Amino acid sequence: MRKSDSFLFLFEMIMAMLIFFIASSICVSVFAKAHRMNRESQELNAAVSAEKNIAELLSTADSPDSAQALILEAYPQAEITSVSDIGASGFQVSIGFDSDFQEAASEEASCLMTADVSAEDMLMSADIHFYPVSDSSNSTDSVYDLHVENAITR
């Protein structure tokens, strides 16, 4: 009878440990998912804020040149590339952000915001994209996209 009691106790301890391990693995996976969701939420908030800032700068500009100047004043590390087509003028802006979503040089950025700005006749438009640097080659995976149009007053 004594051997049976110890076997029952051992079986009970193994079952208790199994339940504990299952519960702890569920808790760890829930915490990991919560951390990932928190990071995605921070990334989305930073993307919306940064793109809104660029859109507001473009809305106050009265020409592509003044838009470039305003963007460089707000984001000194921005890289601007001029683009000219027949009948339209424009530029592309690239701004890097570090892991804390502060402006950073493109080489050390974890997120990148690009804006393709074009001006034709009396209309300036921009397509703004924000995405992680690891996905920069595939702009379809952007965190947030914004299209802005603004009438140019001269």
N, C-alpha and C. Protein backbone atom coordinates (compact mmCIF):
# COMPACT_ATOMS: atom_id res chain seq x y z
N MET A 1 0.81 -1.19 0.00
CA MET A 1 0.00 0.00 0.00
C MET A 1 0.86 1.26 0.00
N ARG A 2 2.00 1.17 0.62
CA ARG A 2 2.89 2.32 0.70
C ARG A 2 3.41 2.72 -0.68
N LYS A 3 3.74 1.76 -1.53
CA LYS A 3 4.25 2.03 -2.87
C LYS A 3 3.18 2.70 -3.73
N SER A 4 1.97 2.35 -3.58
CA SER A 4 0.86 2.92 -4.32
C SER A 4 0.65 4.39 -3.97
N ASP A 5 0.81 4.73 -2.69
CA ASP A 5 0.65 6.13 -2.26
C ASP A 5 1.74 7.01 -2.86
N SER A 6 2.97 6.53 -2.91
CA SER A 6 4.05 7.34 -3.48
C SER A 6 3.87 7.50 -4.99
N PHE A 7 3.38 6.46 -5.65
CA PHE A 7 3.12 6.57 -7.09
C PHE A 7 2.02 7.60 -7.35
N LEU A 8 0.98 7.59 -6.54
CA LEU A 8 -0.11 8.55 -6.69
C LEU A 8 0.38 9.98 -6.45
N PHE A 9 1.24 10.15 -5.42
CA PHE A 9 1.80 11.46 -5.14
C PHE A 9 2.67 11.95 -6.30
N LEU A 10 3.49 11.05 -6.84
CA LEU A 10 4.34 11.40 -7.97
C LEU A 10 3.50 11.77 -9.20
N PHE A 11 2.49 11.03 -9.47
CA PHE A 11 1.58 11.31 -10.58
C PHE A 11 0.90 12.66 -10.40
N GLU A 12 0.48 12.96 -9.19
CA GLU A 12 -0.18 14.24 -8.88
C GLU A 12 0.80 15.41 -9.08
N MET A 13 2.05 15.23 -8.67
CA MET A 13 3.06 16.29 -8.84
C MET A 13 3.36 16.52 -10.33
N ILE A 14 3.46 15.44 -11.10
CA ILE A 14 3.71 15.57 -12.53
C ILE A 14 2.55 16.28 -13.20
N MET A 15 1.34 15.97 -12.84
CA MET A 15 0.16 16.65 -13.42
C MET A 15 0.14 18.13 -13.04
N ALA A 16 0.49 18.45 -11.80
CA ALA A 16 0.52 19.85 -11.36
C ALA A 16 1.58 20.63 -12.14
N MET A 17 2.76 20.03 -12.35
CA MET A 17 3.81 20.69 -13.10
C MET A 17 3.40 20.85 -14.56
N LEU A 18 2.74 19.87 -15.13
CA LEU A 18 2.27 19.97 -16.51
C LEU A 18 1.28 21.12 -16.66
N ILE A 19 0.36 21.23 -15.74
CA ILE A 19 -0.62 22.33 -15.79
C ILE A 19 0.10 23.67 -15.64
N PHE A 20 1.08 23.74 -14.73
CA PHE A 20 1.84 24.97 -14.55
C PHE A 20 2.58 25.35 -15.82
N PHE A 21 3.24 24.40 -16.48
CA PHE A 21 3.97 24.68 -17.72
C PHE A 21 3.04 25.12 -18.84
N ILE A 22 1.89 24.51 -18.93
CA ILE A 22 0.92 24.92 -19.97
C ILE A 22 0.44 26.34 -19.71
N ALA A 23 0.09 26.64 -18.45
CA ALA A 23 -0.38 27.99 -18.11
C ALA A 23 0.72 29.02 -18.33
N SER A 24 1.96 28.70 -17.96
CA SER A 24 3.05 29.67 -18.14
C SER A 24 3.35 29.89 -19.62
N SER A 25 3.26 28.85 -20.45
CA SER A 25 3.50 29.05 -21.88
C SER A 25 2.41 29.91 -22.51
N ILE A 26 1.18 29.76 -22.06
CA ILE A 26 0.10 30.62 -22.55
C ILE A 26 0.34 32.07 -22.14
N CYS A 27 0.76 32.28 -20.89
CA CYS A 27 1.03 33.64 -20.42
C CYS A 27 2.18 34.29 -21.20
N VAL A 28 3.22 33.55 -21.46
CA VAL A 28 4.36 34.09 -22.21
C VAL A 28 3.93 34.47 -23.62
N SER A 29 3.12 33.62 -24.26
CA SER A 29 2.68 33.95 -25.62
C SER A 29 1.76 35.16 -25.62
N VAL A 30 0.92 35.32 -24.60
CA VAL A 30 0.05 36.49 -24.51
C VAL A 30 0.89 37.76 -24.31
N PHE A 31 1.90 37.70 -23.44
CA PHE A 31 2.76 38.87 -23.23
C PHE A 31 3.54 39.21 -24.48
N ALA A 32 4.02 38.22 -25.21
CA ALA A 32 4.75 38.48 -26.46
C ALA A 32 3.84 39.13 -27.49
N LYS A 33 2.60 38.65 -27.60
CA LYS A 33 1.66 39.24 -28.55
C LYS A 33 1.32 40.67 -28.14
N ALA A 34 1.15 40.92 -26.85
CA ALA A 34 0.86 42.27 -26.38
C ALA A 34 2.02 43.21 -26.68
N HIS A 35 3.24 42.73 -26.51
CA HIS A 35 4.42 43.56 -26.81
C HIS A 35 4.47 43.90 -28.30
N ARG A 36 4.21 42.91 -29.15
CA ARG A 36 4.21 43.14 -30.60
C ARG A 36 3.11 44.13 -30.99
N MET A 37 1.93 43.97 -30.41
CA MET A 37 0.82 44.89 -30.73
C MET A 37 1.14 46.31 -30.26
N ASN A 38 1.79 46.44 -29.11
CA ASN A 38 2.18 47.74 -28.60
C ASN A 38 3.17 48.41 -29.54
N ARG A 39 4.14 47.65 -30.04
CA ARG A 39 5.13 48.19 -30.97
C ARG A 39 4.47 48.62 -32.28
N GLU A 40 3.56 47.80 -32.79
CA GLU A 40 2.85 48.16 -34.03
C GLU A 40 2.01 49.41 -33.83
N SER A 41 1.41 49.56 -32.66
CA SER A 41 0.61 50.75 -32.36
C SER A 41 1.50 51.99 -32.29
N GLN A 42 2.66 51.88 -31.65
CA GLN A 42 3.59 53.00 -31.60
C GLN A 42 4.06 53.38 -33.01
N GLU A 43 4.32 52.38 -33.83
CA GLU A 43 4.77 52.62 -35.20
C GLU A 43 3.68 53.33 -36.01
N LEU A 44 2.44 52.89 -35.86
CA LEU A 44 1.34 53.53 -36.57
C LEU A 44 1.14 54.96 -36.10
N ASN A 45 1.19 55.21 -34.81
CA ASN A 45 1.05 56.58 -34.29
C ASN A 45 2.15 57.48 -34.81
N ALA A 46 3.39 56.98 -34.83
CA ALA A 46 4.50 57.77 -35.35
C ALA A 46 4.32 58.05 -36.83
N ALA A 47 3.84 57.06 -37.58
CA ALA A 47 3.63 57.23 -39.02
C ALA A 47 2.57 58.28 -39.29
N VAL A 48 1.46 58.21 -38.59
CA VAL A 48 0.38 59.18 -38.79
C VAL A 48 0.85 60.58 -38.44
N SER A 49 1.56 60.72 -37.34
CA SER A 49 2.05 62.03 -36.91
C SER A 49 3.06 62.61 -37.91
N ALA A 50 4.01 61.80 -38.34
CA ALA A 50 5.03 62.29 -39.28
C ALA A 50 4.42 62.66 -40.62
N GLU A 51 3.52 61.82 -41.12
CA GLU A 51 2.90 62.13 -42.42
C GLU A 51 2.00 63.35 -42.32
N LYS A 52 1.32 63.51 -41.19
CA LYS A 52 0.49 64.70 -41.00
C LYS A 52 1.36 65.95 -40.98
N ASN A 53 2.52 65.87 -40.35
CA ASN A 53 3.43 67.02 -40.33
C ASN A 53 3.88 67.41 -41.73
N ILE A 54 4.26 66.43 -42.54
CA ILE A 54 4.67 66.72 -43.92
C ILE A 54 3.50 67.30 -44.71
N ALA A 55 2.30 66.75 -44.53
CA ALA A 55 1.12 67.25 -45.25
C ALA A 55 0.84 68.71 -44.87
N GLU A 56 0.99 69.04 -43.60
CA GLU A 56 0.76 70.43 -43.18
C GLU A 56 1.83 71.37 -43.73
N LEU A 57 3.07 70.89 -43.79
CA LEU A 57 4.13 71.72 -44.38
C LEU A 57 3.84 71.97 -45.86
N LEU A 58 3.39 70.93 -46.56
CA LEU A 58 3.07 71.10 -47.98
C LEU A 58 1.87 72.02 -48.18
N SER A 59 0.92 71.99 -47.26
CA SER A 59 -0.27 72.84 -47.42
C SER A 59 0.04 74.31 -47.20
N THR A 60 1.11 74.61 -46.47
CA THR A 60 1.48 76.02 -46.25
C THR A 60 2.42 76.55 -47.33
N ALA A 61 2.97 75.65 -48.14
CA ALA A 61 3.92 76.07 -49.18
C ALA A 61 3.18 76.63 -50.39
N ASP A 62 3.80 77.61 -51.03
CA ASP A 62 3.18 78.19 -52.23
C ASP A 62 3.93 77.81 -53.51
N SER A 63 4.96 76.96 -53.37
CA SER A 63 5.69 76.46 -54.54
C SER A 63 6.49 75.23 -54.10
N PRO A 64 6.92 74.42 -55.05
CA PRO A 64 7.76 73.27 -54.68
C PRO A 64 9.06 73.69 -53.98
N ASP A 65 9.63 74.82 -54.39
CA ASP A 65 10.87 75.29 -53.74
C ASP A 65 10.64 75.67 -52.29
N SER A 66 9.53 76.36 -52.03
CA SER A 66 9.24 76.72 -50.64
C SER A 66 8.88 75.47 -49.82
N ALA A 67 8.27 74.48 -50.45
CA ALA A 67 7.96 73.23 -49.76
C ALA A 67 9.24 72.52 -49.35
N GLN A 68 10.23 72.50 -50.26
CA GLN A 68 11.51 71.89 -49.92
C GLN A 68 12.18 72.61 -48.75
N ALA A 69 12.13 73.94 -48.79
CA ALA A 69 12.75 74.72 -47.71
C ALA A 69 12.06 74.45 -46.37
N LEU A 70 10.73 74.38 -46.38
CA LEU A 70 10.00 74.11 -45.14
C LEU A 70 10.31 72.71 -44.60
N ILE A 71 10.40 71.75 -45.48
CA ILE A 71 10.69 70.38 -45.05
C ILE A 71 12.10 70.28 -44.48
N LEU A 72 13.07 70.91 -45.15
CA LEU A 72 14.45 70.89 -44.64
C LEU A 72 14.59 71.63 -43.32
N GLU A 73 13.77 72.65 -43.11
CA GLU A 73 13.79 73.37 -41.85
C GLU A 73 13.24 72.50 -40.72
N ALA A 74 12.17 71.75 -41.01
CA ALA A 74 11.56 70.89 -39.99
C ALA A 74 12.34 69.60 -39.79
N TYR A 75 12.90 69.06 -40.87
CA TYR A 75 13.65 67.79 -40.83
C TYR A 75 15.03 68.02 -41.46
N PRO A 76 16.01 68.47 -40.69
CA PRO A 76 17.33 68.81 -41.26
C PRO A 76 18.05 67.63 -41.90
N GLN A 77 17.75 66.39 -41.48
CA GLN A 77 18.45 65.23 -42.04
C GLN A 77 17.71 64.63 -43.24
N ALA A 78 16.68 65.31 -43.71
CA ALA A 78 15.91 64.81 -44.86
C ALA A 78 16.77 64.83 -46.12
N GLU A 79 16.56 63.84 -46.95
CA GLU A 79 17.26 63.77 -48.24
C GLU A 79 16.25 64.10 -49.33
N ILE A 80 16.55 65.11 -50.12
CA ILE A 80 15.63 65.56 -51.17
C ILE A 80 16.28 65.34 -52.53
N THR A 81 15.52 64.71 -53.41
CA THR A 81 15.97 64.46 -54.78
C THR A 81 14.99 65.15 -55.72
N SER A 82 15.50 65.98 -56.61
CA SER A 82 14.63 66.68 -57.56
C SER A 82 14.24 65.75 -58.70
N VAL A 83 12.99 65.88 -59.12
CA VAL A 83 12.47 65.11 -60.24
C VAL A 83 11.76 66.09 -61.16
N SER A 84 12.05 66.03 -62.47
CA SER A 84 11.39 66.91 -63.43
C SER A 84 10.86 66.10 -64.60
N ASP A 85 9.60 66.26 -64.89
CA ASP A 85 8.97 65.67 -66.07
C ASP A 85 8.53 66.82 -66.97
N ILE A 86 8.10 66.49 -68.17
CA ILE A 86 7.61 67.51 -69.09
C ILE A 86 6.30 68.08 -68.54
N GLY A 87 6.26 69.35 -68.29
CA GLY A 87 5.06 70.01 -67.81
C GLY A 87 4.85 69.90 -66.31
N ALA A 88 5.67 69.15 -65.60
CA ALA A 88 5.50 69.02 -64.16
C ALA A 88 6.87 69.10 -63.49
N SER A 89 6.87 69.61 -62.28
CA SER A 89 8.10 69.63 -61.51
C SER A 89 7.80 69.02 -60.15
N GLY A 90 8.80 68.47 -59.55
CA GLY A 90 8.58 67.85 -58.25
C GLY A 90 9.87 67.38 -57.63
N PHE A 91 9.72 66.71 -56.51
CA PHE A 91 10.87 66.20 -55.79
C PHE A 91 10.43 65.03 -54.93
N GLN A 92 11.42 64.27 -54.48
CA GLN A 92 11.16 63.15 -53.58
C GLN A 92 11.92 63.41 -52.29
N VAL A 93 11.22 63.21 -51.17
CA VAL A 93 11.80 63.40 -49.84
C VAL A 93 11.92 62.04 -49.17
N SER A 94 13.04 61.82 -48.50
CA SER A 94 13.25 60.60 -47.73
C SER A 94 13.73 61.00 -46.34
N ILE A 95 12.97 60.59 -45.31
CA ILE A 95 13.31 60.94 -43.93
C ILE A 95 13.38 59.66 -43.12
N GLY A 96 14.49 59.47 -42.42
CA GLY A 96 14.67 58.28 -41.59
C GLY A 96 14.28 58.55 -40.14
N PHE A 97 13.82 57.49 -39.48
CA PHE A 97 13.45 57.56 -38.06
C PHE A 97 14.09 56.39 -37.33
N ASP A 98 14.62 56.66 -36.13
CA ASP A 98 15.25 55.59 -35.35
C ASP A 98 14.19 54.75 -34.63
N SER A 99 14.62 53.85 -33.77
CA SER A 99 13.69 52.94 -33.09
C SER A 99 12.78 53.67 -32.11
N ASP A 100 13.15 54.89 -31.69
CA ASP A 100 12.29 55.70 -30.82
C ASP A 100 11.46 56.69 -31.63
N PHE A 101 11.47 56.55 -32.95
CA PHE A 101 10.72 57.38 -33.89
C PHE A 101 11.14 58.85 -33.84
N GLN A 102 12.43 59.06 -33.64
CA GLN A 102 13.02 60.39 -33.73
C GLN A 102 13.77 60.44 -35.06
N GLU A 103 13.88 61.63 -35.64
CA GLU A 103 14.56 61.75 -36.93
C GLU A 103 16.00 61.25 -36.83
N ALA A 104 16.41 60.49 -37.85
CA ALA A 104 17.76 59.93 -37.87
C ALA A 104 18.26 59.90 -39.30
N ALA A 105 19.55 59.73 -39.46
CA ALA A 105 20.13 59.58 -40.79
C ALA A 105 19.62 58.28 -41.41
N SER A 106 19.51 58.26 -42.71
CA SER A 106 18.96 57.10 -43.41
C SER A 106 19.72 55.82 -43.11
N GLU A 107 21.04 55.92 -42.89
CA GLU A 107 21.86 54.73 -42.67
C GLU A 107 21.52 54.05 -41.35
N GLU A 108 21.13 54.80 -40.34
CA GLU A 108 20.84 54.23 -39.03
C GLU A 108 19.35 54.23 -38.70
N ALA A 109 18.52 54.39 -39.69
CA ALA A 109 17.07 54.46 -39.47
C ALA A 109 16.46 53.07 -39.41
N SER A 110 15.45 52.94 -38.55
CA SER A 110 14.69 51.68 -38.49
C SER A 110 13.38 51.82 -39.25
N CYS A 111 12.94 53.05 -39.49
CA CYS A 111 11.75 53.33 -40.30
C CYS A 111 12.08 54.45 -41.27
N LEU A 112 11.39 54.46 -42.38
CA LEU A 112 11.65 55.45 -43.42
C LEU A 112 10.33 56.03 -43.92
N MET A 113 10.31 57.34 -44.09
CA MET A 113 9.14 58.00 -44.67
C MET A 113 9.59 58.62 -45.99
N THR A 114 8.84 58.32 -47.03
CA THR A 114 9.13 58.92 -48.34
C THR A 114 7.91 59.71 -48.79
N ALA A 115 8.17 60.78 -49.49
CA ALA A 115 7.10 61.60 -50.05
C ALA A 115 7.47 61.95 -51.49
N ASP A 116 6.61 61.59 -52.41
CA ASP A 116 6.78 61.95 -53.82
C ASP A 116 5.88 63.15 -54.08
N VAL A 117 6.50 64.31 -54.22
CA VAL A 117 5.76 65.56 -54.38
C VAL A 117 5.86 66.01 -55.84
N SER A 118 4.72 66.34 -56.41
CA SER A 118 4.72 66.85 -57.79
C SER A 118 3.83 68.09 -57.85
N ALA A 119 4.23 69.00 -58.70
CA ALA A 119 3.47 70.23 -58.88
C ALA A 119 3.22 70.42 -60.37
N GLU A 120 1.96 70.59 -60.70
CA GLU A 120 1.57 70.79 -62.08
C GLU A 120 0.49 71.86 -62.11
N ASP A 121 0.67 72.85 -62.96
CA ASP A 121 -0.23 74.00 -63.05
C ASP A 121 -0.35 74.63 -61.66
N MET A 122 -1.53 74.62 -61.09
CA MET A 122 -1.76 75.25 -59.78
C MET A 122 -2.07 74.22 -58.69
N LEU A 123 -1.58 72.99 -58.87
CA LEU A 123 -1.88 71.93 -57.92
C LEU A 123 -0.59 71.20 -57.51
N MET A 124 -0.37 71.12 -56.22
CA MET A 124 0.75 70.36 -55.69
C MET A 124 0.17 69.12 -55.01
N SER A 125 0.67 67.96 -55.37
CA SER A 125 0.18 66.72 -54.76
C SER A 125 1.35 65.91 -54.24
N ALA A 126 1.06 65.06 -53.25
CA ALA A 126 2.12 64.24 -52.65
C ALA A 126 1.55 62.88 -52.25
N ASP A 127 2.33 61.86 -52.50
CA ASP A 127 2.05 60.52 -52.01
C ASP A 127 3.09 60.23 -50.94
N ILE A 128 2.64 60.05 -49.71
CA ILE A 128 3.53 59.88 -48.57
C ILE A 128 3.39 58.46 -48.04
N HIS A 129 4.52 57.80 -47.81
CA HIS A 129 4.54 56.42 -47.32
C HIS A 129 5.48 56.31 -46.13
N PHE A 130 5.12 55.49 -45.16
CA PHE A 130 5.93 55.24 -43.97
C PHE A 130 6.05 53.74 -43.81
N TYR A 131 7.27 53.23 -43.74
CA TYR A 131 7.45 51.78 -43.63
C TYR A 131 8.75 51.45 -42.91
N PRO A 132 8.82 50.24 -42.34
CA PRO A 132 10.07 49.79 -41.72
C PRO A 132 11.16 49.66 -42.76
N VAL A 133 12.40 49.91 -42.39
CA VAL A 133 13.51 49.86 -43.33
C VAL A 133 13.69 48.47 -43.91
N SER A 134 13.46 47.44 -43.13
CA SER A 134 13.63 46.08 -43.64
C SER A 134 12.67 45.79 -44.79
N ASP A 135 11.55 46.51 -44.86
CA ASP A 135 10.57 46.32 -45.92
C ASP A 135 10.60 47.44 -46.94
N SER A 136 11.66 48.25 -46.95
CA SER A 136 11.69 49.43 -47.82
C SER A 136 11.65 49.10 -49.30
N SER A 137 12.09 47.89 -49.66
CA SER A 137 12.07 47.54 -51.08
C SER A 137 10.66 47.20 -51.55
N ASN A 138 9.76 46.96 -50.61
CA ASN A 138 8.39 46.59 -50.96
C ASN A 138 7.44 47.60 -50.32
N SER A 139 7.09 48.65 -51.05
CA SER A 139 6.28 49.73 -50.49
C SER A 139 4.83 49.32 -50.25
N THR A 140 4.43 48.12 -50.69
CA THR A 140 3.05 47.68 -50.41
C THR A 140 2.87 47.31 -48.95
N ASP A 141 3.97 47.11 -48.23
CA ASP A 141 3.90 46.76 -46.81
C ASP A 141 4.07 47.99 -45.92
N SER A 142 3.68 49.13 -46.40
CA SER A 142 3.85 50.35 -45.61
C SER A 142 2.91 50.35 -44.41
N VAL A 143 3.34 51.04 -43.38
CA VAL A 143 2.55 51.15 -42.16
C VAL A 143 1.36 52.07 -42.39
N TYR A 144 1.61 53.16 -43.11
CA TYR A 144 0.56 54.14 -43.33
C TYR A 144 0.86 54.89 -44.63
N ASP A 145 -0.16 55.15 -45.43
CA ASP A 145 -0.04 55.90 -46.68
C ASP A 145 -0.98 57.09 -46.64
N LEU A 146 -0.55 58.17 -47.24
CA LEU A 146 -1.37 59.38 -47.28
C LEU A 146 -1.18 60.06 -48.62
N HIS A 147 -2.29 60.46 -49.23
CA HIS A 147 -2.24 61.23 -50.48
C HIS A 147 -2.78 62.62 -50.16
N VAL A 148 -2.02 63.64 -50.56
CA VAL A 148 -2.38 65.03 -50.26
C VAL A 148 -2.37 65.83 -51.55
N GLU A 149 -3.39 66.67 -51.71
CA GLU A 149 -3.41 67.63 -52.82
C GLU A 149 -3.65 69.01 -52.24
N ASN A 150 -2.95 69.98 -52.82
CA ASN A 150 -3.05 71.35 -52.32
C ASN A 150 -2.99 72.31 -53.49
N ALA A 151 -3.89 73.27 -53.49
CA ALA A 151 -3.87 74.31 -54.52
C ALA A 151 -2.77 75.30 -54.21
N ILE A 152 -1.98 75.62 -55.23
CA ILE A 152 -0.89 76.57 -55.07
C ILE A 152 -1.42 77.97 -55.32
N THR A 153 -1.21 78.84 -54.35
CA THR A 153 -1.62 80.23 -54.51
C THR A 153 -0.38 81.07 -54.78
N ARG A 154 -0.43 81.85 -55.84
CA ARG A 154 0.73 82.67 -56.19
C ARG A 154 0.39 84.12 -56.15
